[in-house]
Amino acid sequence: MRGPSVGSRLAVPLPRLIAGLSACDSALFRRWWPGVEHEVLELHASVPIGPEPDSVPEGCDGPLRRCASSLWAYKVDIACLTRRGWVLVECKPRSRHKALGQLLSYAFWWEHLNGLGRPAELLVVTTDILPEVRAAYAAHGVKVATVGDVDGASGHFY
């Protein structure tokens, strides 16, 4: 199954580290999460998205399909359901242009392949971002939350 599911849903408030994320992405998430936790109705991590992988055979169902879902090439780091709708979040240390393409692709697949409607917001959580990269994100409607050593968690979705 593409998109959020019972298998990707995590309890809110978060009881443990985010399974499925890299150690670095998990650390970024933990810095950002306390400031937005109050706004989140549902939280999902490592959400499969986009076209199914070629390695999943036709007619593959049940436990075998769940196992194959770990092979999906594309996964949204975090999908949060808020009162405004779904927010897709990519955690990227020292964010550059890569996350922009990822999030725009994820938004397309979310709307067209998952049938969940257009995401309300696209967000990158990062420790550092160049001004020209921030401008490129803004031009495409992607918001940025910086969780560096000095400024801590964002306190809200921006």
N, C-alpha and C. Protein backbone atom coordinates (compact mmCIF):
# COMPACT_ATOMS: atom_id res chain seq x y z
N MET A 1 0.84 -1.19 0.00
CA MET A 1 0.00 0.00 0.00
C MET A 1 0.88 1.24 0.00
N ARG A 2 0.54 2.19 -0.81
CA ARG A 2 1.25 3.46 -0.84
C ARG A 2 0.65 4.40 0.18
N GLY A 3 1.48 5.28 0.69
CA GLY A 3 0.98 6.30 1.60
C GLY A 3 0.89 5.81 3.03
N PRO A 4 0.33 6.65 3.90
CA PRO A 4 0.27 6.31 5.32
C PRO A 4 -0.63 5.10 5.55
N SER A 5 -0.24 4.28 6.52
CA SER A 5 -1.01 3.09 6.85
C SER A 5 -0.86 2.82 8.33
N VAL A 6 -1.56 1.81 8.81
CA VAL A 6 -1.44 1.43 10.20
C VAL A 6 0.02 1.06 10.50
N GLY A 7 0.70 0.45 9.54
CA GLY A 7 2.09 0.05 9.74
C GLY A 7 3.06 1.20 9.86
N SER A 8 2.74 2.34 9.25
CA SER A 8 3.66 3.48 9.33
C SER A 8 3.28 4.46 10.44
N ARG A 9 2.09 4.26 11.02
CA ARG A 9 1.61 5.20 12.03
C ARG A 9 2.34 5.00 13.35
N LEU A 10 2.73 6.10 13.95
CA LEU A 10 3.38 6.09 15.26
C LEU A 10 2.47 6.75 16.28
N ALA A 11 2.57 6.31 17.50
CA ALA A 11 1.76 6.91 18.56
C ALA A 11 2.19 8.36 18.77
N VAL A 12 1.23 9.22 19.03
CA VAL A 12 1.50 10.61 19.38
C VAL A 12 1.08 10.78 20.83
N PRO A 13 1.88 11.22 21.77
CA PRO A 13 3.25 11.67 21.59
C PRO A 13 4.22 10.51 21.30
N LEU A 14 5.31 10.86 20.70
CA LEU A 14 6.30 9.91 20.24
C LEU A 14 6.92 9.15 21.41
N PRO A 15 6.76 7.81 21.46
CA PRO A 15 7.28 7.07 22.59
C PRO A 15 8.73 6.62 22.44
N ARG A 16 9.28 6.71 21.23
CA ARG A 16 10.63 6.18 20.99
C ARG A 16 11.25 6.88 19.79
N LEU A 17 12.48 6.53 19.49
CA LEU A 17 13.11 7.07 18.29
C LEU A 17 12.32 6.63 17.07
N ILE A 18 12.43 7.36 16.01
CA ILE A 18 11.69 7.06 14.80
C ILE A 18 12.33 5.88 14.07
N ALA A 19 11.62 4.77 14.05
CA ALA A 19 12.11 3.58 13.35
C ALA A 19 12.13 3.84 11.86
N GLY A 20 13.14 3.36 11.18
CA GLY A 20 13.20 3.50 9.74
C GLY A 20 13.98 4.70 9.25
N LEU A 21 14.20 5.69 10.11
CA LEU A 21 14.98 6.86 9.71
C LEU A 21 16.45 6.61 10.03
N SER A 22 17.33 7.26 9.29
CA SER A 22 18.75 7.17 9.61
C SER A 22 18.97 7.85 10.96
N ALA A 23 20.11 7.58 11.56
CA ALA A 23 20.43 8.19 12.86
C ALA A 23 20.42 9.71 12.77
N CYS A 24 20.96 10.25 11.68
CA CYS A 24 21.01 11.70 11.51
C CYS A 24 19.60 12.28 11.32
N ASP A 25 18.79 11.63 10.48
CA ASP A 25 17.42 12.11 10.27
C ASP A 25 16.61 12.04 11.56
N SER A 26 16.82 10.96 12.32
CA SER A 26 16.14 10.80 13.59
C SER A 26 16.52 11.91 14.57
N ALA A 27 17.80 12.27 14.59
CA ALA A 27 18.26 13.35 15.48
C ALA A 27 17.62 14.69 15.08
N LEU A 28 17.55 14.95 13.77
CA LEU A 28 16.89 16.19 13.30
C LEU A 28 15.43 16.19 13.72
N PHE A 29 14.76 15.07 13.51
CA PHE A 29 13.35 14.97 13.87
C PHE A 29 13.15 15.24 15.36
N ARG A 30 13.97 14.62 16.21
CA ARG A 30 13.82 14.80 17.65
C ARG A 30 14.02 16.25 18.07
N ARG A 31 14.85 17.01 17.36
CA ARG A 31 15.04 18.44 17.68
C ARG A 31 13.83 19.26 17.27
N TRP A 32 13.20 18.87 16.16
CA TRP A 32 12.07 19.63 15.61
C TRP A 32 10.74 19.28 16.28
N TRP A 33 10.56 18.00 16.62
CA TRP A 33 9.27 17.48 17.08
C TRP A 33 8.65 18.20 18.28
N PRO A 34 9.40 18.52 19.35
CA PRO A 34 8.74 19.13 20.52
C PRO A 34 8.00 20.42 20.20
N GLY A 35 8.46 21.16 19.22
CA GLY A 35 7.80 22.42 18.89
C GLY A 35 6.53 22.29 18.07
N VAL A 36 6.29 21.11 17.48
CA VAL A 36 5.11 20.94 16.62
C VAL A 36 4.17 19.85 17.10
N GLU A 37 4.58 19.10 18.10
CA GLU A 37 3.83 17.95 18.57
C GLU A 37 2.36 18.29 18.83
N HIS A 38 2.10 19.45 19.39
CA HIS A 38 0.74 19.85 19.74
C HIS A 38 -0.17 20.04 18.52
N GLU A 39 0.41 20.23 17.33
CA GLU A 39 -0.38 20.46 16.12
C GLU A 39 -0.70 19.18 15.36
N VAL A 40 -0.07 18.06 15.73
CA VAL A 40 -0.14 16.84 14.93
C VAL A 40 -1.24 15.91 15.43
N LEU A 41 -2.12 15.50 14.50
CA LEU A 41 -3.19 14.55 14.81
C LEU A 41 -2.75 13.11 14.58
N GLU A 42 -1.94 12.90 13.51
CA GLU A 42 -1.37 11.59 13.19
C GLU A 42 0.06 11.79 12.75
N LEU A 43 0.90 10.84 13.07
CA LEU A 43 2.31 10.89 12.69
C LEU A 43 2.70 9.57 12.05
N HIS A 44 3.31 9.63 10.87
CA HIS A 44 3.76 8.44 10.15
C HIS A 44 5.22 8.64 9.77
N ALA A 45 6.00 7.56 9.82
CA ALA A 45 7.43 7.64 9.47
C ALA A 45 7.76 6.64 8.38
N SER A 46 8.74 7.00 7.53
CA SER A 46 9.21 6.14 6.44
C SER A 46 8.04 5.62 5.61
N VAL A 47 7.25 6.56 5.09
CA VAL A 47 6.03 6.23 4.37
C VAL A 47 6.35 5.91 2.91
N PRO A 48 6.07 4.67 2.45
CA PRO A 48 6.31 4.33 1.05
C PRO A 48 5.44 5.20 0.14
N ILE A 49 6.04 5.65 -0.96
CA ILE A 49 5.31 6.54 -1.86
C ILE A 49 5.84 6.33 -3.28
N GLY A 50 5.02 6.63 -4.25
CA GLY A 50 5.45 6.53 -5.63
C GLY A 50 5.18 5.17 -6.23
N PRO A 51 5.75 4.94 -7.40
CA PRO A 51 5.50 3.67 -8.10
C PRO A 51 6.00 2.48 -7.29
N GLU A 52 5.29 1.36 -7.41
CA GLU A 52 5.72 0.15 -6.71
C GLU A 52 7.05 -0.32 -7.27
N PRO A 53 7.89 -0.91 -6.41
CA PRO A 53 9.17 -1.42 -6.90
C PRO A 53 8.96 -2.58 -7.86
N ASP A 54 9.86 -2.69 -8.82
CA ASP A 54 9.79 -3.77 -9.81
C ASP A 54 9.91 -5.14 -9.16
N SER A 55 10.51 -5.20 -7.99
CA SER A 55 10.80 -6.49 -7.36
C SER A 55 9.59 -7.13 -6.68
N VAL A 56 8.44 -6.45 -6.66
CA VAL A 56 7.25 -7.04 -6.04
C VAL A 56 6.49 -7.80 -7.12
N PRO A 57 6.44 -9.14 -7.00
CA PRO A 57 5.77 -9.93 -8.04
C PRO A 57 4.27 -9.70 -8.07
N GLU A 58 3.66 -9.89 -9.25
CA GLU A 58 2.21 -9.81 -9.40
C GLU A 58 1.55 -10.79 -8.44
N GLY A 59 0.44 -10.40 -7.84
CA GLY A 59 -0.30 -11.28 -6.96
C GLY A 59 0.32 -11.47 -5.58
N CYS A 60 1.35 -10.72 -5.28
CA CYS A 60 2.03 -10.82 -3.98
C CYS A 60 1.15 -10.15 -2.93
N ASP A 61 0.66 -10.92 -1.95
CA ASP A 61 -0.25 -10.37 -0.94
C ASP A 61 0.22 -10.73 0.46
N GLY A 62 -0.49 -10.19 1.45
CA GLY A 62 -0.27 -10.52 2.85
C GLY A 62 1.13 -10.20 3.35
N PRO A 63 1.70 -11.09 4.16
CA PRO A 63 3.02 -10.84 4.77
C PRO A 63 4.12 -10.60 3.75
N LEU A 64 4.02 -11.28 2.59
CA LEU A 64 5.04 -11.11 1.56
C LEU A 64 5.01 -9.68 1.00
N ARG A 65 3.82 -9.11 0.81
CA ARG A 65 3.70 -7.74 0.32
C ARG A 65 4.24 -6.77 1.36
N ARG A 66 3.94 -7.00 2.65
CA ARG A 66 4.46 -6.12 3.70
C ARG A 66 5.98 -6.15 3.72
N CYS A 67 6.54 -7.32 3.55
CA CYS A 67 8.00 -7.45 3.51
C CYS A 67 8.55 -6.70 2.30
N ALA A 68 7.89 -6.84 1.16
CA ALA A 68 8.35 -6.19 -0.07
C ALA A 68 8.25 -4.67 0.03
N SER A 69 7.32 -4.17 0.87
CA SER A 69 7.16 -2.72 0.97
C SER A 69 8.43 -2.05 1.48
N SER A 70 9.28 -2.81 2.19
CA SER A 70 10.53 -2.23 2.67
C SER A 70 11.50 -1.99 1.52
N LEU A 71 11.19 -2.52 0.36
CA LEU A 71 12.06 -2.35 -0.81
C LEU A 71 11.71 -1.12 -1.63
N TRP A 72 10.66 -0.39 -1.25
CA TRP A 72 10.26 0.78 -2.02
C TRP A 72 11.44 1.75 -2.10
N ALA A 73 11.67 2.25 -3.28
CA ALA A 73 12.79 3.16 -3.48
C ALA A 73 12.53 4.54 -2.88
N TYR A 74 11.27 4.91 -2.77
CA TYR A 74 10.92 6.25 -2.31
C TYR A 74 10.10 6.18 -1.05
N LYS A 75 10.57 6.89 -0.02
CA LYS A 75 9.84 6.96 1.24
C LYS A 75 9.91 8.38 1.78
N VAL A 76 8.76 8.90 2.18
CA VAL A 76 8.71 10.19 2.85
C VAL A 76 9.21 9.97 4.27
N ASP A 77 10.15 10.81 4.72
CA ASP A 77 10.67 10.64 6.08
C ASP A 77 9.54 10.69 7.10
N ILE A 78 8.74 11.76 7.04
CA ILE A 78 7.66 11.96 8.00
C ILE A 78 6.44 12.51 7.26
N ALA A 79 5.27 11.96 7.58
CA ALA A 79 4.00 12.50 7.11
C ALA A 79 3.16 12.80 8.34
N CYS A 80 2.78 14.06 8.50
CA CYS A 80 1.99 14.49 9.66
C CYS A 80 0.62 14.94 9.19
N LEU A 81 -0.41 14.45 9.83
CA LEU A 81 -1.75 14.95 9.58
C LEU A 81 -2.05 16.02 10.61
N THR A 82 -2.34 17.23 10.13
CA THR A 82 -2.70 18.35 11.01
C THR A 82 -4.12 18.78 10.65
N ARG A 83 -4.65 19.76 11.36
CA ARG A 83 -5.98 20.28 11.03
C ARG A 83 -6.03 20.88 9.63
N ARG A 84 -4.89 21.32 9.12
CA ARG A 84 -4.82 21.91 7.78
C ARG A 84 -4.66 20.87 6.68
N GLY A 85 -4.34 19.63 7.05
CA GLY A 85 -4.12 18.57 6.07
C GLY A 85 -2.77 17.90 6.29
N TRP A 86 -2.34 17.14 5.29
CA TRP A 86 -1.08 16.41 5.39
C TRP A 86 0.12 17.31 5.17
N VAL A 87 1.15 17.11 5.98
CA VAL A 87 2.43 17.80 5.84
C VAL A 87 3.48 16.73 5.58
N LEU A 88 4.20 16.85 4.45
CA LEU A 88 5.27 15.92 4.12
C LEU A 88 6.59 16.55 4.56
N VAL A 89 7.39 15.81 5.31
CA VAL A 89 8.61 16.34 5.92
C VAL A 89 9.82 15.50 5.49
N GLU A 90 10.84 16.16 5.00
CA GLU A 90 12.13 15.53 4.73
C GLU A 90 13.14 16.09 5.71
N CYS A 91 13.89 15.22 6.35
CA CYS A 91 14.96 15.63 7.28
C CYS A 91 16.28 15.56 6.52
N LYS A 92 16.96 16.69 6.39
CA LYS A 92 18.20 16.75 5.63
C LYS A 92 19.22 17.63 6.37
N PRO A 93 20.31 17.03 6.88
CA PRO A 93 21.36 17.88 7.45
C PRO A 93 21.99 18.71 6.33
N ARG A 94 22.32 19.94 6.62
CA ARG A 94 22.95 20.82 5.63
C ARG A 94 22.23 20.73 4.29
N SER A 95 20.97 21.08 4.30
CA SER A 95 20.11 20.90 3.13
C SER A 95 20.61 21.67 1.92
N ARG A 96 20.61 21.00 0.82
CA ARG A 96 20.93 21.61 -0.48
C ARG A 96 19.72 21.39 -1.39
N HIS A 97 19.90 21.40 -2.67
CA HIS A 97 18.77 21.33 -3.59
C HIS A 97 18.12 19.95 -3.68
N LYS A 98 18.77 18.90 -3.23
CA LYS A 98 18.25 17.55 -3.38
C LYS A 98 16.85 17.38 -2.77
N ALA A 99 16.63 17.91 -1.60
CA ALA A 99 15.33 17.74 -0.93
C ALA A 99 14.21 18.42 -1.71
N LEU A 100 14.51 19.48 -2.44
CA LEU A 100 13.49 20.17 -3.22
C LEU A 100 12.88 19.23 -4.26
N GLY A 101 13.73 18.56 -5.02
CA GLY A 101 13.24 17.61 -6.02
C GLY A 101 12.50 16.45 -5.38
N GLN A 102 13.03 15.95 -4.27
CA GLN A 102 12.37 14.86 -3.57
C GLN A 102 10.96 15.26 -3.15
N LEU A 103 10.83 16.39 -2.48
CA LEU A 103 9.53 16.80 -1.96
C LEU A 103 8.53 17.10 -3.08
N LEU A 104 8.98 17.71 -4.17
CA LEU A 104 8.07 17.99 -5.28
C LEU A 104 7.59 16.68 -5.91
N SER A 105 8.48 15.70 -6.05
CA SER A 105 8.07 14.39 -6.56
C SER A 105 7.11 13.71 -5.60
N TYR A 106 7.42 13.75 -4.31
CA TYR A 106 6.56 13.12 -3.31
C TYR A 106 5.16 13.75 -3.32
N ALA A 107 5.10 15.07 -3.45
CA ALA A 107 3.80 15.76 -3.49
C ALA A 107 2.98 15.30 -4.69
N PHE A 108 3.63 15.16 -5.84
CA PHE A 108 2.94 14.68 -7.04
C PHE A 108 2.40 13.27 -6.81
N TRP A 109 3.26 12.36 -6.33
CA TRP A 109 2.83 10.98 -6.12
C TRP A 109 1.75 10.90 -5.04
N TRP A 110 1.89 11.69 -4.00
CA TRP A 110 0.91 11.70 -2.90
C TRP A 110 -0.47 12.01 -3.46
N GLU A 111 -0.55 13.01 -4.32
CA GLU A 111 -1.84 13.45 -4.87
C GLU A 111 -2.35 12.50 -5.95
N HIS A 112 -1.49 12.10 -6.87
CA HIS A 112 -1.96 11.37 -8.05
C HIS A 112 -1.96 9.86 -7.91
N LEU A 113 -1.02 9.29 -7.19
CA LEU A 113 -0.99 7.84 -7.05
C LEU A 113 -1.66 7.36 -5.77
N ASN A 114 -1.57 8.17 -4.72
CA ASN A 114 -2.13 7.75 -3.44
C ASN A 114 -3.59 8.15 -3.29
N GLY A 115 -4.04 9.13 -4.08
CA GLY A 115 -5.42 9.58 -3.99
C GLY A 115 -5.75 10.28 -2.69
N LEU A 116 -4.75 10.88 -2.04
CA LEU A 116 -4.96 11.54 -0.75
C LEU A 116 -5.13 13.05 -0.86
N GLY A 117 -5.18 13.55 -2.09
CA GLY A 117 -5.28 14.99 -2.28
C GLY A 117 -3.92 15.65 -2.14
N ARG A 118 -3.86 16.89 -2.51
CA ARG A 118 -2.61 17.63 -2.45
C ARG A 118 -2.18 17.85 -1.01
N PRO A 119 -0.89 17.60 -0.70
CA PRO A 119 -0.42 17.89 0.67
C PRO A 119 -0.60 19.37 1.00
N ALA A 120 -0.98 19.65 2.24
CA ALA A 120 -1.18 21.03 2.67
C ALA A 120 0.14 21.78 2.75
N GLU A 121 1.22 21.04 3.00
CA GLU A 121 2.50 21.69 3.21
C GLU A 121 3.64 20.72 2.92
N LEU A 122 4.74 21.27 2.40
CA LEU A 122 5.99 20.53 2.20
C LEU A 122 7.03 21.22 3.06
N LEU A 123 7.81 20.44 3.81
CA LEU A 123 8.73 21.02 4.78
C LEU A 123 10.04 20.25 4.80
N VAL A 124 11.15 20.99 4.87
CA VAL A 124 12.47 20.41 5.08
C VAL A 124 12.93 20.81 6.48
N VAL A 125 13.36 19.84 7.26
CA VAL A 125 13.96 20.09 8.58
C VAL A 125 15.46 19.90 8.41
N THR A 126 16.23 20.92 8.74
CA THR A 126 17.66 20.91 8.48
C THR A 126 18.42 21.65 9.57
N THR A 127 19.74 21.45 9.60
CA THR A 127 20.58 22.20 10.53
C THR A 127 21.16 23.45 9.87
N ASP A 128 21.24 23.43 8.56
CA ASP A 128 21.93 24.51 7.85
C ASP A 128 21.41 24.56 6.42
N ILE A 129 21.20 25.76 5.91
CA ILE A 129 20.74 25.92 4.54
C ILE A 129 21.30 27.22 3.97
N LEU A 130 21.80 27.16 2.74
CA LEU A 130 22.32 28.35 2.07
C LEU A 130 21.17 29.26 1.67
N PRO A 131 21.37 30.58 1.69
CA PRO A 131 20.29 31.51 1.33
C PRO A 131 19.72 31.25 -0.07
N GLU A 132 20.57 30.91 -1.04
CA GLU A 132 20.06 30.67 -2.40
C GLU A 132 19.23 29.38 -2.47
N VAL A 133 19.54 28.41 -1.62
CA VAL A 133 18.76 27.17 -1.57
C VAL A 133 17.41 27.45 -0.90
N ARG A 134 17.43 28.23 0.17
CA ARG A 134 16.17 28.62 0.84
C ARG A 134 15.27 29.36 -0.14
N ALA A 135 15.85 30.23 -0.97
CA ALA A 135 15.06 30.98 -1.95
C ALA A 135 14.44 30.04 -2.98
N ALA A 136 15.18 29.03 -3.42
CA ALA A 136 14.65 28.05 -4.38
C ALA A 136 13.49 27.28 -3.75
N TYR A 137 13.65 26.86 -2.49
CA TYR A 137 12.57 26.16 -1.79
C TYR A 137 11.33 27.05 -1.73
N ALA A 138 11.52 28.30 -1.31
CA ALA A 138 10.40 29.22 -1.17
C ALA A 138 9.68 29.44 -2.50
N ALA A 139 10.43 29.51 -3.58
CA ALA A 139 9.83 29.72 -4.91
C ALA A 139 8.89 28.58 -5.29
N HIS A 140 9.11 27.41 -4.71
CA HIS A 140 8.26 26.25 -5.01
C HIS A 140 7.32 25.90 -3.86
N GLY A 141 7.21 26.80 -2.88
CA GLY A 141 6.27 26.61 -1.78
C GLY A 141 6.73 25.62 -0.72
N VAL A 142 8.02 25.28 -0.71
CA VAL A 142 8.55 24.36 0.30
C VAL A 142 9.07 25.19 1.48
N LYS A 143 8.60 24.87 2.67
CA LYS A 143 9.02 25.60 3.86
C LYS A 143 10.24 24.93 4.48
N VAL A 144 10.97 25.71 5.30
CA VAL A 144 12.20 25.22 5.91
C VAL A 144 12.14 25.47 7.42
N ALA A 145 12.46 24.44 8.19
CA ALA A 145 12.63 24.58 9.64
C ALA A 145 14.08 24.28 9.94
N THR A 146 14.77 25.26 10.53
CA THR A 146 16.18 25.09 10.89
C THR A 146 16.27 24.76 12.37
N VAL A 147 16.95 23.67 12.68
CA VAL A 147 17.09 23.23 14.07
C VAL A 147 18.57 23.14 14.43
N GLY A 148 19.24 24.27 14.36
CA GLY A 148 20.66 24.32 14.66
C GLY A 148 20.91 24.33 16.15
N ASP A 149 22.19 24.39 16.52
CA ASP A 149 22.59 24.38 17.93
C ASP A 149 22.05 25.57 18.70
N VAL A 150 21.89 26.71 18.02
CA VAL A 150 21.50 27.93 18.73
C VAL A 150 19.99 28.10 18.81
N ASP A 151 19.28 27.89 17.66
CA ASP A 151 17.87 28.23 17.65
C ASP A 151 16.93 27.10 18.07
N GLY A 152 17.39 25.88 18.20
CA GLY A 152 16.55 24.80 18.72
C GLY A 152 15.36 24.49 17.83
N ALA A 153 14.33 23.89 18.42
CA ALA A 153 13.16 23.49 17.67
C ALA A 153 12.36 24.70 17.21
N SER A 154 11.64 24.53 16.11
CA SER A 154 10.96 25.65 15.46
C SER A 154 9.79 26.21 16.26
N GLY A 155 9.05 25.38 16.95
CA GLY A 155 7.89 25.86 17.71
C GLY A 155 6.60 25.83 16.91
N HIS A 156 6.65 25.69 15.58
CA HIS A 156 5.47 25.60 14.74
C HIS A 156 5.88 25.22 13.34
N PHE A 157 4.90 24.85 12.53
CA PHE A 157 5.19 24.64 11.10
C PHE A 157 5.35 26.02 10.49
N TYR A 158 6.38 26.21 9.67
CA TYR A 158 6.47 27.50 9.02
C TYR A 158 6.05 27.40 7.60
